[in-house]
Amino acid sequence: MGSKITLYVARHGKTMMNSLDRVQGWCDSPLTKEGTDAARYLGYGLSDINFRTAYCSDLRRTAQTAGIILETKGQDDIPVIELPGLREACFGSFEADFNHHMWNSAALYLHFTSAENMIKAIMEKKISYGDVLDAVKVLDKTGMAENFAQVEARTQESLREIAVNETQYGDGNILVISHGMSILAMLLGLGGDKLFKEPLKNAAVCKVTCQDGKFNVESMADMGYVEKGKKIANNIKSNEENIFVMR
């Protein structure tokens, strides 16, 4: 048996454009306070996991998230490698538009009365995220939007690149920070579809192992690390306040 690596693939923290309900694919914006807090909680929640290397996309929201996580858990000295293939999907002419306009447009194209009904159909596995992203590709006026197969191909290529890079150094834990749609495109076809039961929230973690070139998705959209980290952060704050009072 070859080396086994465990990848903790997380979505970036909440950004300004997320808060404004704007489409954010290749467009970029910084984390909000809520986003930096979630990244810090995730850092605490991952505190008992020693990472050898970290990877992120070439968009600043993932680099910022990775930096906060690693600083929080005292591992800001490990390398953080940017891979353009981990970028979010490009939504073409919908970039920076309101989310409801893009999703409602896709819903109508797919013969749903609303985006809510479309999302419900996705969660009930009546249609797929691939269908939705393919609809966005058709509706895009610029020709720049990516379809699901394109995003799946480049994100899985990056995942394989990470695996090749890391397995040569033996067993290890690897942190990967990417984006909502790109993580789904990367992992659903590798078995993640069987575990995917709720939307991928900011700072949610998907756990993936790789051995002998085979990927195994162990969990999807896990907010448990953030919740664990929030409790740790609150305990630290409480202890600091108690020390201040005692002085």
C-alpha atoms as a PDB file:
ATOM      1  CA  MET A   1       0.000   0.000   0.000  1.00  0.00           C
ATOM      2  CA  GLY A   2       1.232   3.464  -0.878  1.00  0.00           C
ATOM      3  CA  SER A   3       1.200   6.603   1.213  1.00  0.00           C
ATOM      4  CA  LYS A   4      -2.163   7.861   2.428  1.00  0.00           C
ATOM      5  CA  ILE A   5      -2.939  11.553   2.481  1.00  0.00           C
ATOM      6  CA  THR A   6      -5.975  13.132   4.092  1.00  0.00           C
ATOM      7  CA  LEU A   7      -7.278  16.325   2.548  1.00  0.00           C
ATOM      8  CA  TYR A   8      -9.443  18.751   4.475  1.00  0.00           C
ATOM      9  CA  VAL A   9     -11.148  20.679   1.675  1.00  0.00           C
ATOM     10  CA  ALA A  10     -12.875  23.796   2.998  1.00  0.00           C
ATOM     11  CA  ARG A  11     -14.861  26.605   1.473  1.00  0.00           C
ATOM     12  CA  HIS A  12     -13.524  30.122   2.135  1.00  0.00           C
ATOM     13  CA  GLY A  13     -15.051  32.400   4.793  1.00  0.00           C
ATOM     14  CA  LYS A  14     -17.918  34.753   4.016  1.00  0.00           C
ATOM     15  CA  THR A  15     -16.961  37.722   1.822  1.00  0.00           C
ATOM     16  CA  MET A  16     -18.274  41.194   1.100  1.00  0.00           C
ATOM     17  CA  MET A  17     -19.904  40.013  -2.126  1.00  0.00           C
ATOM     18  CA  ASN A  18     -21.481  37.061  -0.304  1.00  0.00           C
ATOM     19  CA  SER A  19     -22.994  39.535   2.161  1.00  0.00           C
ATOM     20  CA  LEU A  20     -24.286  41.731  -0.684  1.00  0.00           C
ATOM     21  CA  ASP A  21     -25.823  38.631  -2.309  1.00  0.00           C
ATOM     22  CA  ARG A  22     -23.742  39.145  -5.450  1.00  0.00           C
ATOM     23  CA  VAL A  23     -22.471  36.474  -7.836  1.00  0.00           C
ATOM     24  CA  GLN A  24     -18.828  35.833  -7.022  1.00  0.00           C
ATOM     25  CA  GLY A  25     -17.003  33.465  -9.313  1.00  0.00           C
ATOM     26  CA  TRP A  26     -13.797  34.842 -10.774  1.00  0.00           C
ATOM     27  CA  CYS A  27     -14.717  38.216  -9.274  1.00  0.00           C
ATOM     28  CA  ASP A  28     -13.232  38.565  -5.815  1.00  0.00           C
ATOM     29  CA  SER A  29     -13.726  40.426  -2.546  1.00  0.00           C
ATOM     30  CA  PRO A  30     -12.219  40.315   0.953  1.00  0.00           C
ATOM     31  CA  LEU A  31     -13.618  38.426   3.919  1.00  0.00           C
ATOM     32  CA  THR A  32     -16.061  40.230   6.182  1.00  0.00           C
ATOM     33  CA  LYS A  33     -15.728  40.153   9.982  1.00  0.00           C
ATOM     34  CA  GLU A  34     -18.132  37.214   9.981  1.00  0.00           C
ATOM     35  CA  GLY A  35     -15.890  35.530   7.420  1.00  0.00           C
ATOM     36  CA  THR A  36     -12.664  36.093   9.362  1.00  0.00           C
ATOM     37  CA  ASP A  37     -14.360  34.899  12.562  1.00  0.00           C
ATOM     38  CA  ALA A  38     -15.486  31.678  10.845  1.00  0.00           C
ATOM     39  CA  ALA A  39     -11.976  31.109   9.471  1.00  0.00           C
ATOM     40  CA  ARG A  40     -10.573  31.627  12.971  1.00  0.00           C
ATOM     41  CA  TYR A  41     -13.119  29.208  14.440  1.00  0.00           C
ATOM     42  CA  LEU A  42     -12.169  26.685  11.768  1.00  0.00           C
ATOM     43  CA  GLY A  43      -8.520  27.121  12.745  1.00  0.00           C
ATOM     44  CA  TYR A  44      -9.351  26.309  16.359  1.00  0.00           C
ATOM     45  CA  GLY A  45     -11.568  23.425  15.261  1.00  0.00           C
ATOM     46  CA  LEU A  46      -8.681  21.929  13.284  1.00  0.00           C
ATOM     47  CA  SER A  47      -6.169  22.568  16.081  1.00  0.00           C
ATOM     48  CA  ASP A  48      -5.518  18.870  16.758  1.00  0.00           C
ATOM     49  CA  ILE A  49      -4.716  18.171  13.092  1.00  0.00           C
ATOM     50  CA  ASN A  50      -1.148  18.806  11.983  1.00  0.00           C
ATOM     51  CA  PHE A  51      -0.989  19.968   8.367  1.00  0.00           C
ATOM     52  CA  ARG A  52       2.080  19.398   6.223  1.00  0.00           C
ATOM     53  CA  THR A  53       1.074  21.712   3.380  1.00  0.00           C
ATOM     54  CA  ALA A  54      -1.802  24.000   2.444  1.00  0.00           C
ATOM     55  CA  TYR A  55      -3.261  24.764  -0.983  1.00  0.00           C
ATOM     56  CA  CYS A  56      -5.696  27.444  -2.120  1.00  0.00           C
ATOM     57  CA  SER A  57      -6.925  29.045  -5.327  1.00  0.00           C
ATOM     58  CA  ASP A  58      -5.324  32.185  -6.742  1.00  0.00           C
ATOM     59  CA  LEU A  59      -8.232  34.327  -5.515  1.00  0.00           C
ATOM     60  CA  ARG A  60      -7.555  36.335  -2.375  1.00  0.00           C
ATOM     61  CA  ARG A  61     -10.584  35.125  -0.414  1.00  0.00           C
ATOM     62  CA  THR A  62      -9.117  31.616  -0.253  1.00  0.00           C
ATOM     63  CA  ALA A  63      -5.582  32.832   0.519  1.00  0.00           C
ATOM     64  CA  GLN A  64      -6.954  35.060   3.281  1.00  0.00           C
ATOM     65  CA  THR A  65      -8.964  32.160   4.729  1.00  0.00           C
ATOM     66  CA  ALA A  66      -5.970  29.803   4.644  1.00  0.00           C
ATOM     67  CA  GLY A  67      -3.764  32.398   6.335  1.00  0.00           C
ATOM     68  CA  ILE A  68      -6.203  32.943   9.194  1.00  0.00           C
ATOM     69  CA  ILE A  69      -6.713  29.211   9.750  1.00  0.00           C
ATOM     70  CA  LEU A  70      -2.993  28.485   9.869  1.00  0.00           C
ATOM     71  CA  GLU A  71      -2.164  31.496  12.051  1.00  0.00           C
ATOM     72  CA  THR A  72      -4.914  30.553  14.506  1.00  0.00           C
ATOM     73  CA  LYS A  73      -3.636  27.012  14.892  1.00  0.00           C
ATOM     74  CA  GLY A  74       0.016  28.062  15.072  1.00  0.00           C
ATOM     75  CA  GLN A  75       1.066  26.676  11.688  1.00  0.00           C
ATOM     76  CA  ASP A  76       1.620  29.868   9.696  1.00  0.00           C
ATOM     77  CA  ASP A  77       5.139  28.663   8.838  1.00  0.00           C
ATOM     78  CA  ILE A  78       4.012  25.889   6.471  1.00  0.00           C
ATOM     79  CA  PRO A  79       3.907  26.483   2.698  1.00  0.00           C
ATOM     80  CA  VAL A  80       0.663  27.712   1.113  1.00  0.00           C
ATOM     81  CA  ILE A  81       0.591  26.858  -2.599  1.00  0.00           C
ATOM     82  CA  GLU A  82      -1.801  28.657  -4.958  1.00  0.00           C
ATOM     83  CA  LEU A  83      -3.366  26.618  -7.766  1.00  0.00           C
ATOM     84  CA  PRO A  84      -5.487  28.472 -10.366  1.00  0.00           C
ATOM     85  CA  GLY A  85      -7.358  25.216 -11.002  1.00  0.00           C
ATOM     86  CA  LEU A  86      -8.992  25.539  -7.576  1.00  0.00           C
ATOM     87  CA  ARG A  87     -10.767  28.754  -8.633  1.00  0.00           C
ATOM     88  CA  GLU A  88     -14.498  29.151  -8.390  1.00  0.00           C
ATOM     89  CA  ALA A  89     -16.584  28.606 -11.542  1.00  0.00           C
ATOM     90  CA  CYS A  90     -16.632  31.539 -13.927  1.00  0.00           C
ATOM     91  CA  PHE A  91     -20.198  32.812 -14.292  1.00  0.00           C
ATOM     92  CA  GLY A  92     -19.526  35.082 -17.287  1.00  0.00           C
ATOM     93  CA  SER A  93     -21.976  37.972 -17.696  1.00  0.00           C
ATOM     94  CA  PHE A  94     -23.587  37.106 -14.354  1.00  0.00           C
ATOM     95  CA  GLU A  95     -20.405  37.989 -12.435  1.00  0.00           C
ATOM     96  CA  ALA A  96     -21.146  40.638  -9.748  1.00  0.00           C
ATOM     97  CA  ASP A  97     -24.872  40.535 -10.619  1.00  0.00           C
ATOM     98  CA  PHE A  98     -27.393  39.702  -7.902  1.00  0.00           C
ATOM     99  CA  ASN A  99     -27.495  36.000  -7.089  1.00  0.00           C
ATOM    100  CA  HIS A 100     -31.270  35.868  -7.335  1.00  0.00           C
ATOM    101  CA  HIS A 101     -31.115  37.099 -10.952  1.00  0.00           C
ATOM    102  CA  MET A 102     -28.691  34.380 -12.028  1.00  0.00           C
ATOM    103  CA  TRP A 103     -30.382  31.539 -10.131  1.00  0.00           C
ATOM    104  CA  ASN A 104     -33.908  32.583 -11.122  1.00  0.00           C
ATOM    105  CA  SER A 105     -32.786  32.840 -14.753  1.00  0.00           C
ATOM    106  CA  ALA A 106     -31.339  29.319 -14.543  1.00  0.00           C
ATOM    107  CA  ALA A 107     -34.517  28.085 -12.821  1.00  0.00           C
ATOM    108  CA  LEU A 108     -36.758  29.450 -15.574  1.00  0.00           C
ATOM    109  CA  TYR A 109     -34.501  27.916 -18.231  1.00  0.00           C
ATOM    110  CA  LEU A 110     -34.855  24.554 -16.448  1.00  0.00           C
ATOM    111  CA  HIS A 111     -38.657  25.021 -16.225  1.00  0.00           C
ATOM    112  CA  PHE A 112     -38.896  25.802 -12.502  1.00  0.00           C
ATOM    113  CA  THR A 113     -41.042  28.629 -11.162  1.00  0.00           C
ATOM    114  CA  SER A 114     -38.349  29.862  -8.756  1.00  0.00           C
ATOM    115  CA  ALA A 115     -34.751  29.399  -7.645  1.00  0.00           C
ATOM    116  CA  GLU A 116     -36.053  27.959  -4.358  1.00  0.00           C
ATOM    117  CA  ASN A 117     -37.902  25.190  -6.185  1.00  0.00           C
ATOM    118  CA  MET A 118     -34.811  24.522  -8.282  1.00  0.00           C
ATOM    119  CA  ILE A 119     -32.580  24.199  -5.200  1.00  0.00           C
ATOM    120  CA  LYS A 120     -35.144  21.898  -3.591  1.00  0.00           C
ATOM    121  CA  ALA A 121     -35.037  19.714  -6.708  1.00  0.00           C
ATOM    122  CA  ILE A 122     -31.230  19.599  -6.460  1.00  0.00           C
ATOM    123  CA  MET A 123     -31.336  18.473  -2.826  1.00  0.00           C
ATOM    124  CA  GLU A 124     -33.956  15.841  -3.752  1.00  0.00           C
ATOM    125  CA  LYS A 125     -31.581  14.725  -6.551  1.00  0.00           C
ATOM    126  CA  LYS A 126     -34.190  15.330  -9.253  1.00  0.00           C
ATOM    127  CA  ILE A 127     -31.668  17.544 -11.063  1.00  0.00           C
ATOM    128  CA  SER A 128     -27.987  18.225 -10.425  1.00  0.00           C
ATOM    129  CA  TYR A 129     -25.731  21.217  -9.889  1.00  0.00           C
ATOM    130  CA  GLY A 130     -24.335  20.251 -13.272  1.00  0.00           C
ATOM    131  CA  ASP A 131     -27.697  20.971 -14.869  1.00  0.00           C
ATOM    132  CA  VAL A 132     -27.800  24.389 -13.207  1.00  0.00           C
ATOM    133  CA  LEU A 133     -24.252  25.400 -14.135  1.00  0.00           C
ATOM    134  CA  ASP A 134     -24.829  24.196 -17.679  1.00  0.00           C
ATOM    135  CA  ALA A 135     -27.910  26.444 -17.805  1.00  0.00           C
ATOM    136  CA  VAL A 136     -25.842  29.423 -16.669  1.00  0.00           C
ATOM    137  CA  LYS A 137     -23.353  28.633 -19.434  1.00  0.00           C
ATOM    138  CA  VAL A 138     -26.129  28.707 -22.043  1.00  0.00           C
ATOM    139  CA  LEU A 139     -27.608  31.959 -20.678  1.00  0.00           C
ATOM    140  CA  ASP A 140     -24.242  33.762 -20.442  1.00  0.00           C
ATOM    141  CA  LYS A 141     -23.911  36.484 -23.084  1.00  0.00           C
ATOM    142  CA  THR A 142     -20.101  36.679 -23.055  1.00  0.00           C
ATOM    143  CA  GLY A 143     -19.102  33.105 -23.763  1.00  0.00           C
ATOM    144  CA  MET A 144     -16.834  33.182 -20.697  1.00  0.00           C
ATOM    145  CA  ALA A 145     -18.984  31.147 -18.297  1.00  0.00           C
ATOM    146  CA  GLU A 146     -17.862  27.592 -17.584  1.00  0.00           C
ATOM    147  CA  ASN A 147     -20.088  24.559 -17.699  1.00  0.00           C
ATOM    148  CA  PHE A 148     -19.993  21.892 -15.003  1.00  0.00           C
ATOM    149  CA  ALA A 149     -17.734  19.536 -16.951  1.00  0.00           C
ATOM    150  CA  GLN A 150     -15.109  22.265 -17.376  1.00  0.00           C
ATOM    151  CA  VAL A 151     -15.060  23.097 -13.651  1.00  0.00           C
ATOM    152  CA  GLU A 152     -15.044  19.407 -12.725  1.00  0.00           C
ATOM    153  CA  ALA A 153     -12.097  18.717 -15.040  1.00  0.00           C
ATOM    154  CA  ARG A 154      -9.844  21.510 -13.784  1.00  0.00           C
ATOM    155  CA  THR A 155     -10.638  21.055 -10.073  1.00  0.00           C
ATOM    156  CA  GLN A 156     -10.088  17.291 -10.226  1.00  0.00           C
ATOM    157  CA  GLU A 157      -6.857  17.889 -12.128  1.00  0.00           C
ATOM    158  CA  SER A 158      -5.725  20.137  -9.256  1.00  0.00           C
ATOM    159  CA  LEU A 159      -6.767  17.478  -6.743  1.00  0.00           C
ATOM    160  CA  ARG A 160      -4.669  14.881  -8.592  1.00  0.00           C
ATOM    161  CA  GLU A 161      -1.756  17.344  -8.724  1.00  0.00           C
ATOM    162  CA  ILE A 162      -1.953  17.806  -4.961  1.00  0.00           C
ATOM    163  CA  ALA A 163      -2.071  14.033  -4.470  1.00  0.00           C
ATOM    164  CA  VAL A 164       0.994  13.463  -6.679  1.00  0.00           C
ATOM    165  CA  ASN A 165       2.876  16.283  -4.918  1.00  0.00           C
ATOM    166  CA  GLU A 166       2.097  15.025  -1.431  1.00  0.00           C
ATOM    167  CA  THR A 167       2.103  11.222  -1.535  1.00  0.00           C
ATOM    168  CA  GLN A 168       5.822  11.233  -2.354  1.00  0.00           C
ATOM    169  CA  TYR A 169       6.452  12.601   1.161  1.00  0.00           C
ATOM    170  CA  GLY A 170       4.510   9.849   2.938  1.00  0.00           C
ATOM    171  CA  ASP A 171       1.316   9.958   4.972  1.00  0.00           C
ATOM    172  CA  GLY A 172       0.109  13.432   5.885  1.00  0.00           C
ATOM    173  CA  ASN A 173      -2.737  15.886   6.361  1.00  0.00           C
ATOM    174  CA  ILE A 174      -3.270  18.570   3.727  1.00  0.00           C
ATOM    175  CA  LEU A 175      -5.403  21.720   3.953  1.00  0.00           C
ATOM    176  CA  VAL A 176      -7.187  22.822   0.765  1.00  0.00           C
ATOM    177  CA  ILE A 177      -9.201  26.063   0.596  1.00  0.00           C
ATOM    178  CA  SER A 178     -11.442  26.469  -2.422  1.00  0.00           C
ATOM    179  CA  HIS A 179     -14.950  27.670  -3.364  1.00  0.00           C
ATOM    180  CA  GLY A 180     -18.527  26.452  -3.127  1.00  0.00           C
ATOM    181  CA  MET A 181     -19.330  25.408  -6.685  1.00  0.00           C
ATOM    182  CA  SER A 182     -15.780  24.308  -7.464  1.00  0.00           C
ATOM    183  CA  ILE A 183     -15.684  21.994  -4.421  1.00  0.00           C
ATOM    184  CA  LEU A 184     -18.984  20.428  -5.473  1.00  0.00           C
ATOM    185  CA  ALA A 185     -17.733  19.979  -9.036  1.00  0.00           C
ATOM    186  CA  MET A 186     -14.536  18.439  -7.664  1.00  0.00           C
ATOM    187  CA  LEU A 187     -16.077  15.966  -5.235  1.00  0.00           C
ATOM    188  CA  LEU A 188     -19.633  15.023  -6.241  1.00  0.00           C
ATOM    189  CA  GLY A 189     -18.414  12.737  -9.026  1.00  0.00           C
ATOM    190  CA  LEU A 190     -15.866  11.092  -6.712  1.00  0.00           C
ATOM    191  CA  GLY A 191     -18.554   9.780  -4.357  1.00  0.00           C
ATOM    192  CA  GLY A 192     -19.461  13.012  -2.585  1.00  0.00           C
ATOM    193  CA  ASP A 193     -22.931  12.905  -4.139  1.00  0.00           C
ATOM    194  CA  LYS A 194     -23.851  10.061  -1.761  1.00  0.00           C
ATOM    195  CA  LEU A 195     -22.976  12.193   1.288  1.00  0.00           C
ATOM    196  CA  PHE A 196     -24.191  15.577   0.075  1.00  0.00           C
ATOM    197  CA  LYS A 197     -27.385  16.449   1.943  1.00  0.00           C
ATOM    198  CA  GLU A 198     -27.190  20.225   2.513  1.00  0.00           C
ATOM    199  CA  PRO A 199     -25.680  23.303   0.814  1.00  0.00           C
ATOM    200  CA  LEU A 200     -21.976  23.951   1.251  1.00  0.00           C
ATOM    201  CA  LYS A 201     -21.785  26.856   3.714  1.00  0.00           C
ATOM    202  CA  ASN A 202     -18.821  29.203   4.142  1.00  0.00           C
ATOM    203  CA  ALA A 203     -16.001  27.440   6.071  1.00  0.00           C
ATOM    204  CA  ALA A 204     -17.662  24.011   5.705  1.00  0.00           C
ATOM    205  CA  VAL A 205     -15.214  21.097   5.416  1.00  0.00           C
ATOM    206  CA  CYS A 206     -15.176  18.071   3.131  1.00  0.00           C
ATOM    207  CA  LYS A 207     -12.800  15.285   4.176  1.00  0.00           C
ATOM    208  CA  VAL A 208     -11.127  13.287   1.410  1.00  0.00           C
ATOM    209  CA  THR A 209      -8.480  10.573   1.557  1.00  0.00           C
ATOM    210  CA  CYS A 210      -6.215   9.448  -1.264  1.00  0.00           C
ATOM    211  CA  GLN A 211      -4.176   6.260  -1.435  1.00  0.00           C
ATOM    212  CA  ASP A 212      -2.709   4.521  -4.475  1.00  0.00           C
ATOM    213  CA  GLY A 213      -4.308   7.142  -6.700  1.00  0.00           C
ATOM    214  CA  LYS A 214      -7.828   6.446  -5.436  1.00  0.00           C
ATOM    215  CA  PHE A 215      -9.892   9.175  -3.778  1.00  0.00           C
ATOM    216  CA  ASN A 216     -12.462   8.471  -1.090  1.00  0.00           C
ATOM    217  CA  VAL A 217     -14.821  11.244   0.039  1.00  0.00           C
ATOM    218  CA  GLU A 218     -15.493  10.633   3.742  1.00  0.00           C
ATOM    219  CA  SER A 219     -17.642  13.666   4.561  1.00  0.00           C
ATOM    220  CA  MET A 220     -19.296  16.640   2.850  1.00  0.00           C
ATOM    221  CA  ALA A 221     -20.295  20.121   4.036  1.00  0.00           C
ATOM    222  CA  ASP A 222     -19.261  19.456   7.648  1.00  0.00           C
ATOM    223  CA  MET A 223     -19.727  22.498   9.927  1.00  0.00           C
ATOM    224  CA  GLY A 224     -18.658  20.521  12.991  1.00  0.00           C
ATOM    225  CA  TYR A 225     -15.098  21.870  12.927  1.00  0.00           C
ATOM    226  CA  VAL A 226     -16.391  25.459  12.963  1.00  0.00           C
ATOM    227  CA  GLU A 227     -18.792  24.721  15.831  1.00  0.00           C
ATOM    228  CA  LYS A 228     -16.015  23.005  17.797  1.00  0.00           C
ATOM    229  CA  GLY A 229     -13.690  25.939  17.171  1.00  0.00           C
ATOM    230  CA  LYS A 230     -16.326  28.463  18.238  1.00  0.00           C
ATOM    231  CA  LYS A 231     -16.598  26.740  21.620  1.00  0.00           C
ATOM    232  CA  ILE A 232     -12.803  26.785  21.988  1.00  0.00           C
ATOM    233  CA  ALA A 233     -12.676  30.500  21.076  1.00  0.00           C
ATOM    234  CA  ASN A 234     -15.423  31.301  23.589  1.00  0.00           C
ATOM    235  CA  ASN A 235     -13.582  29.383  26.320  1.00  0.00           C
ATOM    236  CA  ILE A 236     -10.368  31.285  25.549  1.00  0.00           C
ATOM    237  CA  LYS A 237     -12.235  34.587  25.702  1.00  0.00           C
ATOM    238  CA  SER A 238     -13.922  33.617  28.982  1.00  0.00           C
ATOM    239  CA  ASN A 239     -10.601  32.613  30.546  1.00  0.00           C
ATOM    240  CA  GLU A 240      -8.989  35.868  29.438  1.00  0.00           C
ATOM    241  CA  GLU A 241     -11.855  37.863  30.963  1.00  0.00           C
ATOM    242  CA  ASN A 242     -11.548  35.922  34.241  1.00  0.00           C
ATOM    243  CA  ILE A 243      -7.813  36.624  34.383  1.00  0.00           C
ATOM    244  CA  PHE A 244      -8.477  40.326  33.772  1.00  0.00           C
ATOM    245  CA  VAL A 245     -11.040  40.419  36.605  1.00  0.00           C
ATOM    246  CA  MET A 246      -8.649  38.633  38.992  1.00  0.00           C
ATOM    247  CA  ARG A 247      -6.020  41.298  38.351  1.00  0.00           C
END
